[in-house]
N, C-alpha and C. Protein backbone atom coordinates (compact mmCIF):
# COMPACT_ATOMS: atom_id res chain seq x y z
N MET A 1 28.24 155.88 129.81
CA MET A 1 28.45 156.88 128.78
C MET A 1 29.94 157.12 128.57
N ARG A 2 30.67 157.19 129.71
CA ARG A 2 32.12 157.41 129.64
C ARG A 2 32.80 156.25 128.92
N GLN A 3 32.34 155.00 129.18
CA GLN A 3 32.93 153.84 128.53
C GLN A 3 32.76 153.90 127.02
N ARG A 4 31.58 154.33 126.55
CA ARG A 4 31.34 154.45 125.12
C ARG A 4 32.27 155.50 124.51
N PHE A 5 32.45 156.60 125.23
CA PHE A 5 33.32 157.66 124.72
C PHE A 5 34.77 157.18 124.62
N ASP A 6 35.23 156.45 125.67
CA ASP A 6 36.60 155.94 125.66
C ASP A 6 36.82 154.95 124.53
N ARG A 7 35.83 154.07 124.31
CA ARG A 7 35.98 153.07 123.24
C ARG A 7 36.02 153.74 121.88
N ALA A 8 35.17 154.74 121.68
CA ALA A 8 35.17 155.44 120.40
C ALA A 8 36.47 156.19 120.18
N ARG A 9 37.06 156.66 121.29
CA ARG A 9 38.28 157.47 121.16
C ARG A 9 39.54 156.60 121.07
N TYR A 10 39.59 155.56 121.88
CA TYR A 10 40.82 154.77 121.97
C TYR A 10 40.72 153.38 121.32
N GLY A 11 39.52 152.95 120.93
CA GLY A 11 39.36 151.63 120.34
C GLY A 11 39.19 150.56 121.42
N PRO A 12 39.09 149.28 121.00
CA PRO A 12 38.90 148.19 121.95
C PRO A 12 40.12 148.02 122.85
N SER A 13 39.87 147.46 124.04
CA SER A 13 40.96 147.21 124.99
C SER A 13 41.77 146.00 124.54
N TRP A 14 42.96 145.82 125.19
CA TRP A 14 43.79 144.65 124.88
C TRP A 14 43.07 143.36 125.22
N THR A 15 42.28 143.39 126.29
CA THR A 15 41.51 142.20 126.67
C THR A 15 40.54 141.80 125.57
N GLU A 16 39.86 142.78 125.02
CA GLU A 16 38.90 142.51 123.95
C GLU A 16 39.60 142.02 122.68
N VAL A 17 40.77 142.58 122.40
CA VAL A 17 41.53 142.16 121.22
C VAL A 17 41.98 140.72 121.36
N ILE A 18 42.53 140.38 122.54
CA ILE A 18 43.01 139.01 122.77
C ILE A 18 41.85 138.02 122.73
N LEU A 19 40.72 138.38 123.38
CA LEU A 19 39.56 137.49 123.38
C LEU A 19 39.04 137.28 121.97
N GLY A 20 38.99 138.35 121.19
CA GLY A 20 38.53 138.23 119.80
C GLY A 20 39.45 137.33 118.98
N ALA A 21 40.76 137.47 119.21
CA ALA A 21 41.72 136.64 118.48
C ALA A 21 41.56 135.17 118.85
N LEU A 22 41.36 134.91 120.15
CA LEU A 22 41.18 133.52 120.59
C LEU A 22 39.92 132.91 120.00
N LEU A 23 38.83 133.67 120.00
CA LEU A 23 37.58 133.17 119.44
C LEU A 23 37.72 132.90 117.95
N SER A 24 38.43 133.77 117.25
CA SER A 24 38.65 133.59 115.81
C SER A 24 39.48 132.33 115.54
N ALA A 25 40.49 132.11 116.40
CA ALA A 25 41.34 130.93 116.24
C ALA A 25 40.55 129.66 116.47
N VAL A 26 39.73 129.67 117.54
CA VAL A 26 38.91 128.48 117.84
C VAL A 26 37.93 128.21 116.71
N LEU A 27 37.28 129.25 116.22
CA LEU A 27 36.34 129.08 115.12
C LEU A 27 37.04 128.55 113.88
N GLY A 28 38.25 129.04 113.62
CA GLY A 28 39.01 128.55 112.47
C GLY A 28 39.35 127.08 112.60
N VAL A 29 39.75 126.66 113.80
CA VAL A 29 40.07 125.25 114.03
C VAL A 29 38.83 124.37 113.83
N VAL A 30 37.70 124.82 114.36
CA VAL A 30 36.45 124.05 114.23
C VAL A 30 36.04 123.91 112.78
N LEU A 31 36.10 125.01 112.03
CA LEU A 31 35.71 124.96 110.62
C LEU A 31 36.67 124.09 109.81
N ALA A 32 37.96 124.20 110.10
CA ALA A 32 38.94 123.38 109.38
C ALA A 32 38.75 121.91 109.70
N ALA A 33 38.52 121.60 110.99
CA ALA A 33 38.29 120.21 111.38
C ALA A 33 37.06 119.65 110.70
N GLY A 34 35.97 120.45 110.66
CA GLY A 34 34.75 119.99 110.00
C GLY A 34 34.98 119.72 108.52
N PHE A 35 35.75 120.55 107.87
CA PHE A 35 36.04 120.36 106.44
C PHE A 35 36.77 119.04 106.21
N PHE A 36 37.80 118.78 107.01
CA PHE A 36 38.60 117.56 106.81
C PHE A 36 37.86 116.31 107.27
N ILE A 37 37.00 116.43 108.28
CA ILE A 37 36.25 115.26 108.73
C ILE A 37 35.37 114.72 107.60
N PHE A 38 34.73 115.61 106.85
CA PHE A 38 33.83 115.17 105.78
C PHE A 38 34.53 115.04 104.43
N ARG A 39 35.82 115.26 104.40
CA ARG A 39 36.58 115.06 103.16
C ARG A 39 36.77 113.55 102.97
N PRO A 40 36.38 113.00 101.83
CA PRO A 40 36.41 111.54 101.64
C PRO A 40 37.80 110.95 101.79
N VAL A 41 37.83 109.74 102.37
CA VAL A 41 39.06 108.95 102.47
C VAL A 41 39.18 108.08 101.22
N THR A 42 40.37 107.93 100.72
CA THR A 42 40.59 107.13 99.51
C THR A 42 40.88 105.69 99.89
N LYS A 43 39.99 104.77 99.48
CA LYS A 43 40.18 103.35 99.76
C LYS A 43 41.02 102.71 98.66
N VAL A 44 42.08 102.02 99.05
CA VAL A 44 42.97 101.40 98.08
C VAL A 44 43.34 99.99 98.56
N LYS A 45 43.85 99.19 97.63
CA LYS A 45 44.33 97.85 97.98
C LYS A 45 45.74 97.91 98.57
N GLU A 46 46.52 98.87 98.10
CA GLU A 46 47.86 99.10 98.62
C GLU A 46 48.22 100.56 98.39
N LEU A 47 49.14 101.07 99.19
CA LEU A 47 49.52 102.47 99.06
C LEU A 47 50.22 102.73 97.73
N PRO A 48 49.91 103.83 97.08
CA PRO A 48 50.62 104.14 95.82
C PRO A 48 52.08 104.45 96.08
N LYS A 49 52.90 104.24 95.07
CA LYS A 49 54.33 104.52 95.21
C LYS A 49 54.58 106.00 95.48
N GLU A 50 53.74 106.83 94.93
CA GLU A 50 53.86 108.27 95.16
C GLU A 50 52.51 108.78 95.70
N PRO A 51 52.30 108.71 97.05
CA PRO A 51 51.03 109.18 97.63
C PRO A 51 50.77 110.65 97.30
N VAL A 52 49.51 110.96 97.09
CA VAL A 52 49.11 112.34 96.80
C VAL A 52 49.17 113.14 98.10
N PRO A 53 49.89 114.25 98.13
CA PRO A 53 49.97 115.05 99.35
C PRO A 53 48.58 115.46 99.86
N GLY A 54 48.36 115.31 101.16
CA GLY A 54 47.08 115.69 101.75
C GLY A 54 46.00 114.64 101.65
N THR A 55 46.27 113.53 100.98
CA THR A 55 45.27 112.47 100.82
C THR A 55 45.44 111.43 101.93
N VAL A 56 44.33 111.05 102.55
CA VAL A 56 44.34 110.01 103.58
C VAL A 56 43.84 108.72 102.94
N TYR A 57 44.62 107.66 103.06
CA TYR A 57 44.29 106.38 102.44
C TYR A 57 43.77 105.40 103.50
N PHE A 58 42.96 104.47 103.04
CA PHE A 58 42.46 103.40 103.90
C PHE A 58 42.62 102.07 103.20
N ILE A 59 43.34 101.16 103.85
CA ILE A 59 43.48 99.79 103.35
C ILE A 59 42.74 98.87 104.32
N GLU A 60 41.75 98.19 103.83
CA GLU A 60 40.92 97.34 104.69
C GLU A 60 41.65 96.05 105.05
N GLY A 61 41.53 95.65 106.31
CA GLY A 61 42.10 94.39 106.76
C GLY A 61 41.33 93.22 106.19
N SER A 62 42.02 92.11 105.97
CA SER A 62 41.39 90.94 105.35
C SER A 62 40.46 90.21 106.32
N ARG A 63 39.56 89.42 105.73
CA ARG A 63 38.59 88.66 106.51
C ARG A 63 38.32 87.33 105.78
N ASP A 64 38.39 86.24 106.53
CA ASP A 64 38.20 84.93 105.92
C ASP A 64 37.38 84.06 106.86
N TYR A 65 36.10 83.90 106.53
CA TYR A 65 35.21 83.14 107.41
C TYR A 65 35.46 81.63 107.32
N SER A 66 36.26 81.19 106.37
CA SER A 66 36.49 79.75 106.25
C SER A 66 37.29 79.19 107.42
N ASN A 67 37.95 80.09 108.19
CA ASN A 67 38.73 79.64 109.34
C ASN A 67 37.98 79.84 110.65
N ALA A 68 36.65 79.90 110.57
CA ALA A 68 35.85 80.16 111.77
C ALA A 68 36.04 79.08 112.84
N ARG A 69 36.18 77.82 112.44
CA ARG A 69 36.35 76.76 113.43
C ARG A 69 37.66 76.91 114.19
N ARG A 70 38.71 77.26 113.47
CA ARG A 70 40.00 77.46 114.12
C ARG A 70 39.92 78.64 115.08
N LEU A 71 39.19 79.68 114.71
CA LEU A 71 39.03 80.83 115.57
C LEU A 71 38.29 80.46 116.85
N ILE A 72 37.24 79.68 116.71
CA ILE A 72 36.47 79.25 117.89
C ILE A 72 37.35 78.45 118.84
N ALA A 73 38.19 77.59 118.30
CA ALA A 73 39.10 76.80 119.13
C ALA A 73 40.08 77.72 119.87
N LYS A 74 40.59 78.72 119.18
CA LYS A 74 41.52 79.66 119.82
C LYS A 74 40.83 80.45 120.92
N GLN A 75 39.58 80.86 120.67
CA GLN A 75 38.85 81.62 121.67
C GLN A 75 38.64 80.79 122.94
N LYS A 76 38.29 79.52 122.78
CA LYS A 76 38.09 78.65 123.94
C LYS A 76 39.39 78.46 124.71
N PHE A 77 40.48 78.29 123.98
CA PHE A 77 41.79 78.10 124.62
C PHE A 77 42.21 79.37 125.36
N PHE A 78 41.93 80.53 124.76
CA PHE A 78 42.27 81.81 125.36
C PHE A 78 41.48 82.04 126.65
N VAL A 79 40.20 81.74 126.62
CA VAL A 79 39.33 81.93 127.79
C VAL A 79 39.79 81.05 128.96
N LYS A 80 40.35 79.88 128.63
CA LYS A 80 40.83 78.97 129.68
C LYS A 80 42.21 79.36 130.21
N GLY A 81 42.79 80.42 129.66
CA GLY A 81 44.07 80.90 130.17
C GLY A 81 45.26 80.60 129.30
N GLY A 82 45.05 80.24 128.05
CA GLY A 82 46.15 79.90 127.15
C GLY A 82 46.58 81.09 126.30
N SER A 83 47.87 81.13 125.96
CA SER A 83 48.39 82.15 125.06
C SER A 83 48.02 81.79 123.62
N VAL A 84 47.66 82.79 122.83
CA VAL A 84 47.28 82.54 121.44
C VAL A 84 47.92 83.57 120.52
N VAL A 85 48.01 83.19 119.25
CA VAL A 85 48.48 84.10 118.20
C VAL A 85 47.37 84.19 117.16
N VAL A 86 46.92 85.41 116.86
CA VAL A 86 45.83 85.60 115.91
C VAL A 86 46.28 86.52 114.79
N ASN A 87 45.70 86.33 113.61
CA ASN A 87 45.99 87.20 112.48
C ASN A 87 44.79 88.12 112.21
N GLU A 88 44.92 89.00 111.23
CA GLU A 88 43.84 89.96 111.00
C GLU A 88 42.59 89.29 110.45
N ASP A 89 42.73 88.18 109.72
CA ASP A 89 41.55 87.42 109.27
C ASP A 89 40.70 87.03 110.47
N GLU A 90 41.36 86.48 111.49
CA GLU A 90 40.65 86.00 112.68
C GLU A 90 40.09 87.15 113.50
N LEU A 91 40.84 88.24 113.62
CA LEU A 91 40.34 89.40 114.35
C LEU A 91 39.08 89.96 113.69
N ASN A 92 39.09 90.05 112.36
CA ASN A 92 37.93 90.60 111.66
C ASN A 92 36.75 89.66 111.65
N THR A 93 37.01 88.37 111.62
CA THR A 93 35.92 87.40 111.70
C THR A 93 35.24 87.48 113.06
N ALA A 94 36.05 87.63 114.11
CA ALA A 94 35.49 87.73 115.46
C ALA A 94 34.70 89.02 115.66
N ALA A 95 35.20 90.11 115.07
CA ALA A 95 34.55 91.41 115.26
C ALA A 95 33.38 91.64 114.32
N ASN A 96 33.31 90.86 113.23
CA ASN A 96 32.24 91.04 112.24
C ASN A 96 31.53 89.73 111.98
N PRO A 97 30.77 89.24 112.95
CA PRO A 97 30.03 87.99 112.72
C PRO A 97 28.99 88.18 111.63
N VAL A 98 28.43 87.08 111.15
CA VAL A 98 27.40 87.15 110.11
C VAL A 98 26.25 88.01 110.61
N THR A 99 25.90 89.03 109.83
CA THR A 99 24.89 89.99 110.27
C THR A 99 23.48 89.49 110.01
N ALA A 100 22.55 90.14 110.65
CA ALA A 100 21.14 89.80 110.45
C ALA A 100 20.68 90.24 109.06
N ALA A 101 19.53 89.74 108.64
CA ALA A 101 19.00 90.09 107.33
C ALA A 101 18.71 91.58 107.26
N PRO A 102 18.89 92.20 106.09
CA PRO A 102 18.64 93.64 105.95
C PRO A 102 17.23 94.00 106.39
N GLY A 103 17.14 95.11 107.09
CA GLY A 103 15.84 95.60 107.53
C GLY A 103 15.43 95.11 108.90
N THR A 104 16.23 94.23 109.52
CA THR A 104 15.84 93.72 110.83
C THR A 104 16.37 94.61 111.96
N GLU A 105 17.36 95.48 111.65
CA GLU A 105 17.88 96.35 112.68
C GLU A 105 16.93 97.52 112.89
N PRO A 106 16.80 98.00 114.14
CA PRO A 106 15.93 99.16 114.38
C PRO A 106 16.52 100.40 113.73
N PRO A 107 15.67 101.28 113.20
CA PRO A 107 16.18 102.50 112.55
C PRO A 107 16.86 103.40 113.58
N PRO A 108 17.92 104.12 113.19
CA PRO A 108 18.59 105.02 114.12
C PRO A 108 17.73 106.24 114.42
N PRO A 109 17.95 106.92 115.55
CA PRO A 109 17.19 108.13 115.85
C PRO A 109 17.51 109.24 114.87
N ALA A 110 16.72 110.32 114.93
CA ALA A 110 16.89 111.43 113.98
C ALA A 110 18.26 112.07 114.11
N THR A 111 18.80 112.10 115.31
CA THR A 111 20.15 112.63 115.52
C THR A 111 20.98 111.55 116.18
N ALA A 112 22.07 111.14 115.52
CA ALA A 112 22.82 110.02 116.08
C ALA A 112 24.25 110.00 115.58
N LEU A 113 25.13 109.52 116.45
CA LEU A 113 26.48 109.14 116.09
C LEU A 113 26.58 107.66 116.44
N SER A 114 26.55 106.81 115.44
CA SER A 114 26.53 105.38 115.71
C SER A 114 27.73 104.71 115.05
N ALA A 115 28.45 103.95 115.87
CA ALA A 115 29.66 103.28 115.40
C ALA A 115 29.34 101.87 114.91
N GLY A 116 29.93 101.49 113.78
CA GLY A 116 29.78 100.14 113.28
C GLY A 116 30.87 99.23 113.82
N ALA A 117 30.93 98.00 113.31
CA ALA A 117 31.93 97.04 113.75
C ALA A 117 33.32 97.45 113.26
N PRO A 118 34.36 97.21 114.07
CA PRO A 118 35.71 97.62 113.68
C PRO A 118 36.31 96.70 112.63
N ASN A 119 37.28 97.23 111.93
CA ASN A 119 38.08 96.45 110.99
C ASN A 119 39.54 96.54 111.43
N PHE A 120 40.23 95.39 111.44
CA PHE A 120 41.61 95.33 111.92
C PHE A 120 42.56 95.06 110.76
N ARG A 121 43.71 95.70 110.84
CA ARG A 121 44.78 95.45 109.88
C ARG A 121 46.12 95.52 110.62
N ILE A 122 46.97 94.54 110.39
CA ILE A 122 48.28 94.51 111.03
C ILE A 122 49.35 94.82 110.00
N HIS A 123 50.12 95.88 110.24
CA HIS A 123 51.16 96.25 109.28
C HIS A 123 52.18 97.14 109.98
N ASP A 124 53.41 97.09 109.50
CA ASP A 124 54.49 97.95 110.01
C ASP A 124 54.62 97.87 111.53
N ARG A 125 54.50 96.66 112.07
CA ARG A 125 54.65 96.42 113.52
C ARG A 125 53.64 97.20 114.35
N ALA A 126 52.48 97.42 113.80
CA ALA A 126 51.43 98.15 114.51
C ALA A 126 50.07 97.60 114.12
N LEU A 127 49.08 97.90 114.93
CA LEU A 127 47.71 97.47 114.67
C LEU A 127 46.87 98.68 114.25
N GLN A 128 46.22 98.54 113.10
CA GLN A 128 45.29 99.58 112.63
C GLN A 128 43.87 99.13 112.94
N ILE A 129 43.11 100.00 113.58
CA ILE A 129 41.70 99.71 113.89
C ILE A 129 40.86 100.82 113.27
N THR A 130 39.94 100.43 112.41
CA THR A 130 39.08 101.40 111.72
C THR A 130 37.63 101.14 112.07
N VAL A 131 36.95 102.19 112.47
CA VAL A 131 35.53 102.09 112.84
C VAL A 131 34.72 103.03 111.95
N PRO A 132 33.72 102.50 111.23
CA PRO A 132 32.83 103.39 110.47
C PRO A 132 31.83 104.05 111.42
N VAL A 133 31.71 105.34 111.33
CA VAL A 133 30.78 106.08 112.21
C VAL A 133 29.74 106.78 111.36
N ARG A 134 28.50 106.44 111.59
CA ARG A 134 27.40 107.08 110.86
C ARG A 134 26.98 108.35 111.58
N ILE A 135 26.96 109.45 110.84
CA ILE A 135 26.53 110.74 111.37
C ILE A 135 25.19 111.07 110.74
N LYS A 136 24.17 111.14 111.57
CA LYS A 136 22.81 111.35 111.06
C LYS A 136 22.17 112.51 111.81
N TYR A 137 21.75 113.52 111.06
CA TYR A 137 21.12 114.69 111.66
C TYR A 137 20.03 115.17 110.71
N ASP A 138 18.81 114.76 110.99
CA ASP A 138 17.70 115.01 110.08
C ASP A 138 17.41 116.50 109.89
N LEU A 139 17.73 117.31 110.90
CA LEU A 139 17.38 118.73 110.83
C LEU A 139 18.04 119.41 109.64
N VAL A 140 19.25 118.94 109.28
CA VAL A 140 19.95 119.52 108.13
C VAL A 140 20.13 118.49 107.02
N SER A 141 19.31 117.43 107.05
CA SER A 141 19.35 116.37 106.04
C SER A 141 20.74 115.77 105.88
N LEU A 142 21.39 115.56 107.01
CA LEU A 142 22.74 114.98 106.99
C LEU A 142 22.68 113.50 107.36
N ASP A 143 23.19 112.68 106.50
CA ASP A 143 23.27 111.24 106.78
C ASP A 143 24.47 110.69 106.00
N THR A 144 25.57 110.55 106.68
CA THR A 144 26.79 110.11 106.03
C THR A 144 27.61 109.25 106.99
N THR A 145 28.57 108.54 106.45
CA THR A 145 29.45 107.70 107.26
C THR A 145 30.89 108.13 107.04
N VAL A 146 31.60 108.33 108.12
CA VAL A 146 33.01 108.67 108.05
C VAL A 146 33.82 107.55 108.70
N LEU A 147 35.03 107.35 108.23
CA LEU A 147 35.91 106.34 108.80
C LEU A 147 36.78 106.96 109.87
N VAL A 148 36.78 106.32 111.03
CA VAL A 148 37.67 106.72 112.12
C VAL A 148 38.75 105.65 112.20
N GLN A 149 39.97 105.99 111.80
CA GLN A 149 41.02 104.99 111.79
C GLN A 149 42.21 105.43 112.64
N THR A 150 42.69 104.50 113.43
CA THR A 150 43.81 104.76 114.32
C THR A 150 44.82 103.64 114.21
N THR A 151 46.08 103.98 114.34
CA THR A 151 47.16 103.01 114.32
C THR A 151 48.00 103.18 115.58
N GLY A 152 48.30 102.07 116.24
CA GLY A 152 49.07 102.17 117.47
C GLY A 152 49.55 100.82 117.94
N ASN A 153 49.86 100.74 119.23
CA ASN A 153 50.37 99.52 119.82
C ASN A 153 49.85 99.37 121.24
N PHE A 154 50.35 98.38 121.94
CA PHE A 154 49.84 98.06 123.26
C PHE A 154 50.89 98.35 124.34
N VAL A 155 50.39 98.90 125.45
CA VAL A 155 51.25 99.17 126.60
C VAL A 155 50.51 98.75 127.86
N ARG A 156 51.26 98.49 128.90
CA ARG A 156 50.65 98.15 130.19
C ARG A 156 50.36 99.42 130.97
N ARG A 157 49.14 99.53 131.45
CA ARG A 157 48.73 100.64 132.29
C ARG A 157 48.18 100.06 133.59
N GLY A 158 49.01 100.07 134.61
CA GLY A 158 48.61 99.46 135.87
C GLY A 158 48.48 97.96 135.73
N ASP A 159 47.30 97.44 136.04
CA ASP A 159 47.07 96.00 135.95
C ASP A 159 46.52 95.56 134.61
N ALA A 160 46.32 96.49 133.71
CA ALA A 160 45.69 96.15 132.42
C ALA A 160 46.60 96.54 131.25
N ILE A 161 46.36 95.89 130.12
CA ILE A 161 47.06 96.22 128.89
C ILE A 161 46.09 96.95 127.97
N ALA A 162 46.51 98.10 127.50
CA ALA A 162 45.61 98.95 126.71
C ALA A 162 46.23 99.28 125.36
N PHE A 163 45.36 99.52 124.40
CA PHE A 163 45.79 99.97 123.08
C PHE A 163 46.02 101.47 123.14
N VAL A 164 47.17 101.93 122.67
CA VAL A 164 47.51 103.36 122.69
C VAL A 164 47.71 103.84 121.26
N PRO A 165 46.87 104.75 120.79
CA PRO A 165 47.00 105.25 119.41
C PRO A 165 48.27 106.08 119.23
N LYS A 166 48.86 105.94 118.07
CA LYS A 166 49.98 106.80 117.66
C LYS A 166 49.48 107.84 116.67
N THR A 167 48.62 107.42 115.76
CA THR A 167 47.97 108.35 114.83
C THR A 167 46.48 108.06 114.81
N MET A 168 45.70 109.07 114.52
CA MET A 168 44.25 108.89 114.42
C MET A 168 43.67 109.90 113.43
N PHE A 169 42.83 109.38 112.55
CA PHE A 169 42.14 110.23 111.58
C PHE A 169 40.64 110.02 111.69
N VAL A 170 39.90 111.12 111.72
CA VAL A 170 38.45 111.08 111.57
C VAL A 170 38.17 111.64 110.19
N GLY A 171 37.77 110.76 109.27
CA GLY A 171 37.74 111.18 107.88
C GLY A 171 39.16 111.49 107.45
N SER A 172 39.41 112.69 106.99
CA SER A 172 40.76 113.11 106.62
C SER A 172 41.38 114.06 107.64
N CYS A 173 40.77 114.15 108.81
CA CYS A 173 41.24 115.08 109.83
C CYS A 173 42.19 114.38 110.81
N PRO A 174 43.44 114.83 110.92
CA PRO A 174 44.39 114.22 111.86
C PRO A 174 44.12 114.69 113.29
N VAL A 175 43.23 114.00 113.99
CA VAL A 175 42.77 114.50 115.29
C VAL A 175 43.82 114.36 116.39
N GLN A 176 44.92 113.62 116.14
CA GLN A 176 45.95 113.55 117.18
C GLN A 176 46.60 114.92 117.41
N ARG A 177 46.35 115.85 116.49
CA ARG A 177 46.88 117.20 116.65
C ARG A 177 45.96 118.10 117.48
N LEU A 178 44.76 117.60 117.80
CA LEU A 178 43.80 118.39 118.57
C LEU A 178 43.82 117.95 120.03
N PRO A 179 43.95 118.87 120.98
CA PRO A 179 44.04 118.50 122.40
C PRO A 179 42.86 117.67 122.87
N ARG A 180 43.16 116.53 123.49
CA ARG A 180 42.19 115.64 124.14
C ARG A 180 41.19 114.99 123.17
N ALA A 181 41.31 115.24 121.89
CA ALA A 181 40.37 114.67 120.92
C ALA A 181 40.53 113.15 120.84
N VAL A 182 41.76 112.67 120.91
CA VAL A 182 41.99 111.22 120.80
C VAL A 182 41.33 110.48 121.96
N ASP A 183 41.48 110.99 123.18
CA ASP A 183 40.87 110.35 124.35
C ASP A 183 39.36 110.30 124.20
N PHE A 184 38.76 111.40 123.74
CA PHE A 184 37.30 111.44 123.58
C PHE A 184 36.83 110.41 122.55
N ILE A 185 37.51 110.33 121.42
CA ILE A 185 37.10 109.41 120.36
C ILE A 185 37.30 107.97 120.78
N MET A 186 38.40 107.67 121.49
CA MET A 186 38.62 106.31 121.98
C MET A 186 37.48 105.88 122.90
N LYS A 187 37.07 106.75 123.80
CA LYS A 187 36.00 106.40 124.74
C LYS A 187 34.64 106.31 124.03
N LYS A 188 34.44 107.15 123.03
CA LYS A 188 33.14 107.23 122.35
C LYS A 188 32.91 106.09 121.38
N PHE A 189 33.93 105.72 120.59
CA PHE A 189 33.71 104.78 119.49
C PHE A 189 34.49 103.47 119.59
N TYR A 190 35.53 103.44 120.41
CA TYR A 190 36.35 102.23 120.49
C TYR A 190 36.08 101.43 121.77
N GLU A 191 36.14 102.11 122.91
CA GLU A 191 35.97 101.41 124.17
C GLU A 191 34.53 100.95 124.40
N THR A 192 33.60 101.45 123.61
CA THR A 192 32.20 101.04 123.73
C THR A 192 31.85 99.85 122.83
N GLN A 193 32.83 99.36 122.06
CA GLN A 193 32.58 98.21 121.20
C GLN A 193 32.24 96.98 122.06
N PRO A 194 31.20 96.20 121.69
CA PRO A 194 30.82 95.05 122.51
C PRO A 194 31.87 93.95 122.48
N VAL A 195 32.22 93.45 123.66
CA VAL A 195 33.18 92.36 123.80
C VAL A 195 32.56 91.31 124.70
N PRO A 196 32.55 90.03 124.30
CA PRO A 196 31.99 88.99 125.16
C PRO A 196 32.64 89.00 126.54
N ALA A 197 31.84 88.75 127.56
CA ALA A 197 32.32 88.86 128.94
C ALA A 197 33.49 87.93 129.21
N ASP A 198 33.47 86.71 128.67
CA ASP A 198 34.56 85.78 128.95
C ASP A 198 35.87 86.22 128.28
N ILE A 199 35.76 86.83 127.07
CA ILE A 199 36.94 87.34 126.39
C ILE A 199 37.52 88.54 127.15
N ALA A 200 36.64 89.42 127.63
CA ALA A 200 37.08 90.59 128.40
C ALA A 200 37.77 90.16 129.69
N ALA A 201 37.22 89.14 130.35
CA ALA A 201 37.83 88.65 131.59
C ALA A 201 39.20 88.06 131.33
N ALA A 202 39.34 87.29 130.24
CA ALA A 202 40.63 86.70 129.90
C ALA A 202 41.64 87.77 129.53
N TRP A 203 41.18 88.81 128.83
CA TRP A 203 42.08 89.91 128.44
C TRP A 203 42.70 90.56 129.68
N GLY A 204 41.92 90.70 130.74
CA GLY A 204 42.41 91.31 131.96
C GLY A 204 43.52 90.53 132.64
N LYS A 205 43.71 89.28 132.25
CA LYS A 205 44.74 88.44 132.86
C LYS A 205 46.04 88.41 132.04
N LEU A 206 46.04 89.06 130.88
CA LEU A 206 47.19 88.98 129.98
C LEU A 206 48.47 89.54 130.60
N ALA A 207 49.58 88.90 130.26
CA ALA A 207 50.89 89.40 130.69
C ALA A 207 51.47 90.35 129.66
N ASP A 208 51.14 90.12 128.37
CA ASP A 208 51.72 90.96 127.32
C ASP A 208 50.91 90.81 126.04
N VAL A 209 50.93 91.85 125.22
CA VAL A 209 50.34 91.83 123.88
C VAL A 209 51.34 92.47 122.94
N THR A 210 51.73 91.76 121.91
CA THR A 210 52.72 92.27 120.97
C THR A 210 52.31 92.00 119.54
N VAL A 211 52.72 92.90 118.65
CA VAL A 211 52.53 92.70 117.21
C VAL A 211 53.81 92.06 116.67
N GLU A 212 53.65 90.90 116.06
CA GLU A 212 54.79 90.16 115.52
C GLU A 212 54.52 89.83 114.06
N GLY A 213 55.20 90.54 113.19
CA GLY A 213 54.97 90.32 111.76
C GLY A 213 53.55 90.68 111.39
N SER A 214 52.79 89.70 110.91
CA SER A 214 51.40 89.92 110.51
C SER A 214 50.44 89.33 111.52
N THR A 215 50.89 89.14 112.76
CA THR A 215 50.05 88.52 113.79
C THR A 215 50.08 89.31 115.08
N LEU A 216 49.10 89.01 115.92
CA LEU A 216 49.00 89.62 117.24
C LEU A 216 49.15 88.49 118.27
N ARG A 217 50.15 88.59 119.13
CA ARG A 217 50.41 87.56 120.13
C ARG A 217 49.85 88.00 121.47
N LEU A 218 48.95 87.18 122.03
CA LEU A 218 48.35 87.42 123.34
C LEU A 218 48.97 86.44 124.32
N THR A 219 49.83 86.95 125.21
CA THR A 219 50.61 86.09 126.08
C THR A 219 50.04 86.09 127.51
N MET A 220 49.71 84.90 127.98
CA MET A 220 49.24 84.74 129.34
C MET A 220 50.44 84.52 130.28
N PRO A 221 50.28 84.78 131.58
CA PRO A 221 51.37 84.54 132.53
C PRO A 221 51.84 83.10 132.52
């Protein structure tokens, strides 16, 4: 009873004020992130001379299946321990093999976050990796796909070489500004991408990975 009287007389405590402010800030961040995540990305062939402020652009990396034989030869050489240089055509061909006929894939569950095959683009001395993520939630009739795109480079971490994002967007949301969001997304949608066992084993032996012009150089010891 005394507590009710004090609150009516003096108002909320500083603890309650601070907690309320923190909750309001968190809710604001969540709502803003949700808005930008579902805000469409503008797909273009090249960046406009005068980009529209606040607009996130996506340029798709090229793909050319006519060089599949050359790619297979490079993969075999790489697995045997050889250094190779690959371009974005070859990266995308390897990551996006000819798909099965429509309707042969099992339907996704009622609630799902499912990542598609990545798309690679090499530009400005960096590698861009874009993954389409399907968001499906039948309870609210939600079924849409957002692009998760990150640009970065490679660094050595212990005995392995890893891709380190410099920028990352989920839809139009710059998630590199959100604490620990980049690590979560990398583990959820990028590190879970299927990689053939022999390619993964060869990758673990690499001495260096560098972006050179429009190519990616994989250097063995």
